[in-house]
Amino acid sequence: MKVWEWYFLVVMATALLIITFFTKNIYVAIGTLALVLYLKRHSDNIPLPKQFNKFKIMSKKTDKIIEVDERHK
């Protein structure tokens, strides 16, 4: 799966989830769940956008700072 396709489908799944809350349609919710489960299978192969590489994540549990690049290694 190409990177732009994956990000486009993530935006589409987010929009479908918001529509589901307003319409209360169970079929749209099930379709969104199926789309999200499909995207989750490919999430390990998709890199984060370059602007997020400069951020650091601090773990409250271990008080350890994690670089974003370390998470995907």
PDB file of N, CA and C in Angstrom:
ATOM      1  N   MET A   1       0.847  -1.169   0.000  1.00  0.00           N
ATOM      2  CA  MET A   1       0.000   0.000   0.000  1.00  0.00           C
ATOM      3  C   MET A   1       0.896   1.235   0.000  1.00  0.00           C
ATOM      4  N   LYS A   2       0.544   2.188  -0.803  1.00  0.00           N
ATOM      5  CA  LYS A   2       1.314   3.425  -0.874  1.00  0.00           C
ATOM      6  C   LYS A   2       1.010   4.298   0.335  1.00  0.00           C
ATOM      7  N   VAL A   3       1.974   5.149   0.661  1.00  0.00           N
ATOM      8  CA  VAL A   3       1.846   5.989   1.859  1.00  0.00           C
ATOM      9  C   VAL A   3       0.667   6.950   1.720  1.00  0.00           C
ATOM     10  N   TRP A   4       0.532   7.594   0.571  1.00  0.00           N
ATOM     11  CA  TRP A   4      -0.547   8.572   0.409  1.00  0.00           C
ATOM     12  C   TRP A   4      -1.914   7.888   0.464  1.00  0.00           C
ATOM     13  N   GLU A   5      -2.015   6.660  -0.030  1.00  0.00           N
ATOM     14  CA  GLU A   5      -3.279   5.923   0.054  1.00  0.00           C
ATOM     15  C   GLU A   5      -3.649   5.645   1.506  1.00  0.00           C
ATOM     16  N   TRP A   6      -2.651   5.249   2.288  1.00  0.00           N
ATOM     17  CA  TRP A   6      -2.904   4.927   3.691  1.00  0.00           C
ATOM     18  C   TRP A   6      -3.385   6.164   4.453  1.00  0.00           C
ATOM     19  N   TYR A   7      -2.688   7.289   4.255  1.00  0.00           N
ATOM     20  CA  TYR A   7      -3.100   8.523   4.943  1.00  0.00           C
ATOM     21  C   TYR A   7      -4.470   8.988   4.478  1.00  0.00           C
ATOM     22  N   PHE A   8      -4.772   8.850   3.188  1.00  0.00           N
ATOM     23  CA  PHE A   8      -6.093   9.219   2.686  1.00  0.00           C
ATOM     24  C   PHE A   8      -7.177   8.363   3.335  1.00  0.00           C
ATOM     25  N   LEU A   9      -6.934   7.068   3.448  1.00  0.00           N
ATOM     26  CA  LEU A   9      -7.922   6.184   4.064  1.00  0.00           C
ATOM     27  C   LEU A   9      -8.075   6.446   5.557  1.00  0.00           C
ATOM     28  N   VAL A  10      -7.009   6.889   6.221  1.00  0.00           N
ATOM     29  CA  VAL A  10      -7.121   7.255   7.635  1.00  0.00           C
ATOM     30  C   VAL A  10      -8.019   8.476   7.793  1.00  0.00           C
ATOM     31  N   VAL A  11      -7.849   9.464   6.924  1.00  0.00           N
ATOM     32  CA  VAL A  11      -8.710  10.653   6.967  1.00  0.00           C
ATOM     33  C   VAL A  11     -10.151  10.264   6.666  1.00  0.00           C
ATOM     34  N   MET A  12     -10.336   9.369   5.704  1.00  0.00           N
ATOM     35  CA  MET A  12     -11.678   8.913   5.366  1.00  0.00           C
ATOM     36  C   MET A  12     -12.322   8.157   6.536  1.00  0.00           C
ATOM     37  N   ALA A  13     -11.561   7.318   7.217  1.00  0.00           N
ATOM     38  CA  ALA A  13     -12.091   6.579   8.365  1.00  0.00           C
ATOM     39  C   ALA A  13     -12.464   7.535   9.496  1.00  0.00           C
ATOM     40  N   THR A  14     -11.671   8.582   9.686  1.00  0.00           N
ATOM     41  CA  THR A  14     -11.994   9.572  10.717  1.00  0.00           C
ATOM     42  C   THR A  14     -13.293  10.294  10.379  1.00  0.00           C
ATOM     43  N   ALA A  15     -13.457  10.682   9.122  1.00  0.00           N
ATOM     44  CA  ALA A  15     -14.695  11.341   8.701  1.00  0.00           C
ATOM     45  C   ALA A  15     -15.892  10.406   8.857  1.00  0.00           C
ATOM     46  N   LEU A  16     -15.714   9.144   8.501  1.00  0.00           N
ATOM     47  CA  LEU A  16     -16.811   8.174   8.663  1.00  0.00           C
ATOM     48  C   LEU A  16     -17.179   7.973  10.128  1.00  0.00           C
ATOM     49  N   LEU A  17     -16.184   7.987  11.002  1.00  0.00           N
ATOM     50  CA  LEU A  17     -16.465   7.844  12.421  1.00  0.00           C
ATOM     51  C   LEU A  17     -17.279   9.026  12.942  1.00  0.00           C
ATOM     52  N   ILE A  18     -16.936  10.231  12.510  1.00  0.00           N
ATOM     53  CA  ILE A  18     -17.695  11.418  12.925  1.00  0.00           C
ATOM     54  C   ILE A  18     -19.118  11.356  12.380  1.00  0.00           C
ATOM     55  N   ILE A  19     -19.266  10.935  11.127  1.00  0.00           N
ATOM     56  CA  ILE A  19     -20.606  10.790  10.541  1.00  0.00           C
ATOM     57  C   ILE A  19     -21.416   9.751  11.307  1.00  0.00           C
ATOM     58  N   THR A  20     -20.764   8.690  11.748  1.00  0.00           N
ATOM     59  CA  THR A  20     -21.449   7.638  12.499  1.00  0.00           C
ATOM     60  C   THR A  20     -22.044   8.169  13.801  1.00  0.00           C
ATOM     61  N   PHE A  21     -21.328   9.057  14.474  1.00  0.00           N
ATOM     62  CA  PHE A  21     -21.849   9.611  15.727  1.00  0.00           C
ATOM     63  C   PHE A  21     -23.077  10.467  15.492  1.00  0.00           C
ATOM     64  N   PHE A  22     -23.107  11.192  14.374  1.00  0.00           N
ATOM     65  CA  PHE A  22     -24.263  12.046  14.110  1.00  0.00           C
ATOM     66  C   PHE A  22     -25.457  11.272  13.578  1.00  0.00           C
ATOM     67  N   THR A  23     -25.228  10.289  12.736  1.00  0.00           N
ATOM     68  CA  THR A  23     -26.338   9.556  12.131  1.00  0.00           C
ATOM     69  C   THR A  23     -26.778   8.351  12.947  1.00  0.00           C
ATOM     70  N   LYS A  24     -25.933   7.879  13.830  1.00  0.00           N
ATOM     71  CA  LYS A  24     -26.208   6.688  14.652  1.00  0.00           C
ATOM     72  C   LYS A  24     -26.562   5.485  13.782  1.00  0.00           C
ATOM     73  N   ASN A  25     -25.826   5.339  12.700  1.00  0.00           N
ATOM     74  CA  ASN A  25     -26.043   4.251  11.750  1.00  0.00           C
ATOM     75  C   ASN A  25     -25.051   3.133  12.048  1.00  0.00           C
ATOM     76  N   ILE A  26     -25.552   1.985  12.423  1.00  0.00           N
ATOM     77  CA  ILE A  26     -24.696   0.869  12.814  1.00  0.00           C
ATOM     78  C   ILE A  26     -23.933   0.301  11.619  1.00  0.00           C
ATOM     79  N   TYR A  27     -24.514   0.368  10.425  1.00  0.00           N
ATOM     80  CA  TYR A  27     -23.851  -0.172   9.243  1.00  0.00           C
ATOM     81  C   TYR A  27     -22.615   0.652   8.867  1.00  0.00           C
ATOM     82  N   VAL A  28     -22.701   1.961   9.018  1.00  0.00           N
ATOM     83  CA  VAL A  28     -21.542   2.818   8.757  1.00  0.00           C
ATOM     84  C   VAL A  28     -20.466   2.553   9.811  1.00  0.00           C
ATOM     85  N   ALA A  29     -20.882   2.313  11.044  1.00  0.00           N
ATOM     86  CA  ALA A  29     -19.922   2.011  12.109  1.00  0.00           C
ATOM     87  C   ALA A  29     -19.197   0.691  11.838  1.00  0.00           C
ATOM     88  N   ILE A  30     -19.912  -0.306  11.378  1.00  0.00           N
ATOM     89  CA  ILE A  30     -19.287  -1.595  11.064  1.00  0.00           C
ATOM     90  C   ILE A  30     -18.336  -1.454   9.876  1.00  0.00           C
ATOM     91  N   GLY A  31     -18.738  -0.687   8.875  1.00  0.00           N
ATOM     92  CA  GLY A  31     -17.864  -0.435   7.729  1.00  0.00           C
ATOM     93  C   GLY A  31     -16.599   0.314   8.130  1.00  0.00           C
ATOM     94  N   THR A  32     -16.749   1.290   9.025  1.00  0.00           N
ATOM     95  CA  THR A  32     -15.590   2.029   9.516  1.00  0.00           C
ATOM     96  C   THR A  32     -14.668   1.115  10.306  1.00  0.00           C
ATOM     97  N   LEU A  33     -15.219   0.247  11.124  1.00  0.00           N
ATOM     98  CA  LEU A  33     -14.409  -0.702  11.881  1.00  0.00           C
ATOM     99  C   LEU A  33     -13.625  -1.623  10.939  1.00  0.00           C
ATOM    100  N   ALA A  34     -14.275  -2.093   9.891  1.00  0.00           N
ATOM    101  CA  ALA A  34     -13.587  -2.957   8.920  1.00  0.00           C
ATOM    102  C   ALA A  34     -12.451  -2.197   8.238  1.00  0.00           C
ATOM    103  N   LEU A  35     -12.681  -0.934   7.903  1.00  0.00           N
ATOM    104  CA  LEU A  35     -11.638  -0.121   7.273  1.00  0.00           C
ATOM    105  C   LEU A  35     -10.464   0.097   8.224  1.00  0.00           C
ATOM    106  N   VAL A  36     -10.752   0.374   9.478  1.00  0.00           N
ATOM    107  CA  VAL A  36      -9.688   0.606  10.464  1.00  0.00           C
ATOM    108  C   VAL A  36      -8.885  -0.672  10.711  1.00  0.00           C
ATOM    109  N   LEU A  37      -9.540  -1.798  10.786  1.00  0.00           N
ATOM    110  CA  LEU A  37      -8.824  -3.062  10.972  1.00  0.00           C
ATOM    111  C   LEU A  37      -7.933  -3.375   9.763  1.00  0.00           C
ATOM    112  N   TYR A  38      -8.397  -3.026   8.574  1.00  0.00           N
ATOM    113  CA  TYR A  38      -7.576  -3.208   7.378  1.00  0.00           C
ATOM    114  C   TYR A  38      -6.358  -2.286   7.419  1.00  0.00           C
ATOM    115  N   LEU A  39      -6.548  -1.039   7.838  1.00  0.00           N
ATOM    116  CA  LEU A  39      -5.441  -0.084   7.904  1.00  0.00           C
ATOM    117  C   LEU A  39      -4.440  -0.457   8.989  1.00  0.00           C
ATOM    118  N   LYS A  40      -4.902  -1.055  10.063  1.00  0.00           N
ATOM    119  CA  LYS A  40      -4.002  -1.433  11.156  1.00  0.00           C
ATOM    120  C   LYS A  40      -2.981  -2.478  10.698  1.00  0.00           C
ATOM    121  N   ARG A  41      -3.373  -3.347   9.784  1.00  0.00           N
ATOM    122  CA  ARG A  41      -2.440  -4.348   9.271  1.00  0.00           C
ATOM    123  C   ARG A  41      -1.257  -3.716   8.545  1.00  0.00           C
ATOM    124  N   HIS A  42      -1.471  -2.564   7.944  1.00  0.00           N
ATOM    125  CA  HIS A  42      -0.433  -1.911   7.158  1.00  0.00           C
ATOM    126  C   HIS A  42       0.283  -0.798   7.920  1.00  0.00           C
ATOM    127  N   SER A  43      -0.077  -0.542   9.152  1.00  0.00           N
ATOM    128  CA  SER A  43       0.466   0.614   9.872  1.00  0.00           C
ATOM    129  C   SER A  43       1.956   0.486  10.194  1.00  0.00           C
ATOM    130  N   ASP A  44       2.482  -0.718  10.288  1.00  0.00           N
ATOM    131  CA  ASP A  44       3.905  -0.882  10.581  1.00  0.00           C
ATOM    132  C   ASP A  44       4.792  -0.481   9.415  1.00  0.00           C
ATOM    133  N   ASN A  45       4.272  -0.538   8.204  1.00  0.00           N
ATOM    134  CA  ASN A  45       5.060  -0.215   7.013  1.00  0.00           C
ATOM    135  C   ASN A  45       4.985   1.259   6.625  1.00  0.00           C
ATOM    136  N   ILE A  46       4.137   2.038   7.282  1.00  0.00           N
ATOM    137  CA  ILE A  46       3.937   3.438   6.926  1.00  0.00           C
ATOM    138  C   ILE A  46       4.763   4.319   7.859  1.00  0.00           C
ATOM    139  N   PRO A  47       5.677   5.119   7.308  1.00  0.00           N
ATOM    140  CA  PRO A  47       6.471   6.001   8.171  1.00  0.00           C
ATOM    141  C   PRO A  47       5.665   7.225   8.595  1.00  0.00           C
ATOM    142  N   LEU A  48       6.054   7.813   9.702  1.00  0.00           N
ATOM    143  CA  LEU A  48       5.439   9.057  10.129  1.00  0.00           C
ATOM    144  C   LEU A  48       5.889  10.191   9.220  1.00  0.00           C
ATOM    145  N   PRO A  49       5.075  11.229   9.071  1.00  0.00           N
ATOM    146  CA  PRO A  49       5.520  12.383   8.285  1.00  0.00           C
ATOM    147  C   PRO A  49       6.788  12.997   8.895  1.00  0.00           C
ATOM    148  N   LYS A  50       7.599  13.610   8.050  1.00  0.00           N
ATOM    149  CA  LYS A  50       8.898  14.115   8.488  1.00  0.00           C
ATOM    150  C   LYS A  50       8.793  15.179   9.577  1.00  0.00           C
ATOM    151  N   GLN A  51       7.716  15.974   9.600  1.00  0.00           N
ATOM    152  CA  GLN A  51       7.600  17.014  10.618  1.00  0.00           C
ATOM    153  C   GLN A  51       7.419  16.441  12.018  1.00  0.00           C
ATOM    154  N   PHE A  52       7.027  15.174  12.141  1.00  0.00           N
ATOM    155  CA  PHE A  52       6.868  14.564  13.458  1.00  0.00           C
ATOM    156  C   PHE A  52       8.157  13.930  13.975  1.00  0.00           C
ATOM    157  N   ASN A  53       9.168  13.822  13.151  1.00  0.00           N
ATOM    158  CA  ASN A  53      10.425  13.208  13.571  1.00  0.00           C
ATOM    159  C   ASN A  53      11.161  14.029  14.618  1.00  0.00           C
ATOM    160  N   LYS A  54      10.887  15.329  14.712  1.00  0.00           N
ATOM    161  CA  LYS A  54      11.590  16.158  15.678  1.00  0.00           C
ATOM    162  C   LYS A  54      10.973  16.087  17.076  1.00  0.00           C
ATOM    163  N   PHE A  55       9.811  15.494  17.213  1.00  0.00           N
ATOM    164  CA  PHE A  55       9.154  15.406  18.514  1.00  0.00           C
ATOM    165  C   PHE A  55       9.734  14.275  19.347  1.00  0.00           C
ATOM    166  N   LYS A  56       9.653  14.449  20.656  1.00  0.00           N
ATOM    167  CA  LYS A  56      10.093  13.418  21.586  1.00  0.00           C
ATOM    168  C   LYS A  56       8.909  13.039  22.460  1.00  0.00           C
ATOM    169  N   ILE A  57       8.860  11.784  22.847  1.00  0.00           N
ATOM    170  CA  ILE A  57       7.780  11.277  23.681  1.00  0.00           C
ATOM    171  C   ILE A  57       8.357  10.972  25.053  1.00  0.00           C
ATOM    172  N   MET A  58       7.716  11.494  26.104  1.00  0.00           N
ATOM    173  CA  MET A  58       8.188  11.224  27.453  1.00  0.00           C
ATOM    174  C   MET A  58       7.221  10.256  28.122  1.00  0.00           C
ATOM    175  N   SER A  59       7.754   9.155  28.585  1.00  0.00           N
ATOM    176  CA  SER A  59       6.943   8.155  29.250  1.00  0.00           C
ATOM    177  C   SER A  59       6.778   8.542  30.714  1.00  0.00           C
ATOM    178  N   LYS A  60       5.536   8.663  31.148  1.00  0.00           N
ATOM    179  CA  LYS A  60       5.265   8.997  32.558  1.00  0.00           C
ATOM    180  C   LYS A  60       5.580   7.809  33.468  1.00  0.00           C
ATOM    181  N   LYS A  61       5.439   6.613  32.934  1.00  0.00           N
ATOM    182  CA  LYS A  61       5.638   5.422  33.733  1.00  0.00           C
ATOM    183  C   LYS A  61       7.114   5.207  34.078  1.00  0.00           C
ATOM    184  N   THR A  62       7.995   5.376  33.077  1.00  0.00           N
ATOM    185  CA  THR A  62       9.407   5.094  33.303  1.00  0.00           C
ATOM    186  C   THR A  62      10.268   6.347  33.336  1.00  0.00           C
ATOM    187  N   ASP A  63       9.676   7.539  33.132  1.00  0.00           N
ATOM    188  CA  ASP A  63      10.411   8.808  33.054  1.00  0.00           C
ATOM    189  C   ASP A  63      11.533   8.747  32.027  1.00  0.00           C
ATOM    190  N   LYS A  64      11.264   8.110  30.919  1.00  0.00           N
ATOM    191  CA  LYS A  64      12.241   7.942  29.863  1.00  0.00           C
ATOM    192  C   LYS A  64      11.774   8.729  28.638  1.00  0.00           C
ATOM    193  N   ILE A  65      12.709   9.397  27.962  1.00  0.00           N
ATOM    194  CA  ILE A  65      12.394  10.131  26.746  1.00  0.00           C
ATOM    195  C   ILE A  65      12.670   9.220  25.559  1.00  0.00           C
ATOM    196  N   ILE A  66      11.671   9.085  24.691  1.00  0.00           N
ATOM    197  CA  ILE A  66      11.756   8.202  23.545  1.00  0.00           C
ATOM    198  C   ILE A  66      11.736   9.048  22.283  1.00  0.00           C
ATOM    199  N   GLU A  67      12.719   8.846  21.434  1.00  0.00           N
ATOM    200  CA  GLU A  67      12.725   9.520  20.132  1.00  0.00           C
ATOM    201  C   GLU A  67      11.676   8.841  19.244  1.00  0.00           C
ATOM    202  N   VAL A  68      11.078   9.587  18.345  1.00  0.00           N
ATOM    203  CA  VAL A  68      10.055   9.027  17.481  1.00  0.00           C
ATOM    204  C   VAL A  68      10.645   7.951  16.570  1.00  0.00           C
ATOM    205  N   ASP A  69      11.884   8.147  16.099  1.00  0.00           N
ATOM    206  CA  ASP A  69      12.503   7.162  15.221  1.00  0.00           C
ATOM    207  C   ASP A  69      12.768   5.845  15.915  1.00  0.00           C
ATOM    208  N   GLU A  70      12.995   5.863  17.221  1.00  0.00           N
ATOM    209  CA  GLU A  70      13.251   4.630  17.971  1.00  0.00           C
ATOM    210  C   GLU A  70      12.026   3.729  18.009  1.00  0.00           C
ATOM    211  N   ARG A  71      10.851   4.334  17.993  1.00  0.00           N
ATOM    212  CA  ARG A  71       9.603   3.573  18.105  1.00  0.00           C
ATOM    213  C   ARG A  71       9.396   2.694  16.870  1.00  0.00           C
ATOM    214  N   HIS A  72       9.876   3.122  15.724  1.00  0.00           N
ATOM    215  CA  HIS A  72       9.641   2.374  14.485  1.00  0.00           C
ATOM    216  C   HIS A  72      10.792   1.463  14.107  1.00  0.00           C
ATOM    217  N   LYS A  73      11.779   1.301  14.956  1.00  0.00           N
ATOM    218  CA  LYS A  73      12.908   0.424  14.644  1.00  0.00           C
ATOM    219  C   LYS A  73      12.607  -0.998  15.019  1.00  0.00           C
TER     220      LYS A  73
END
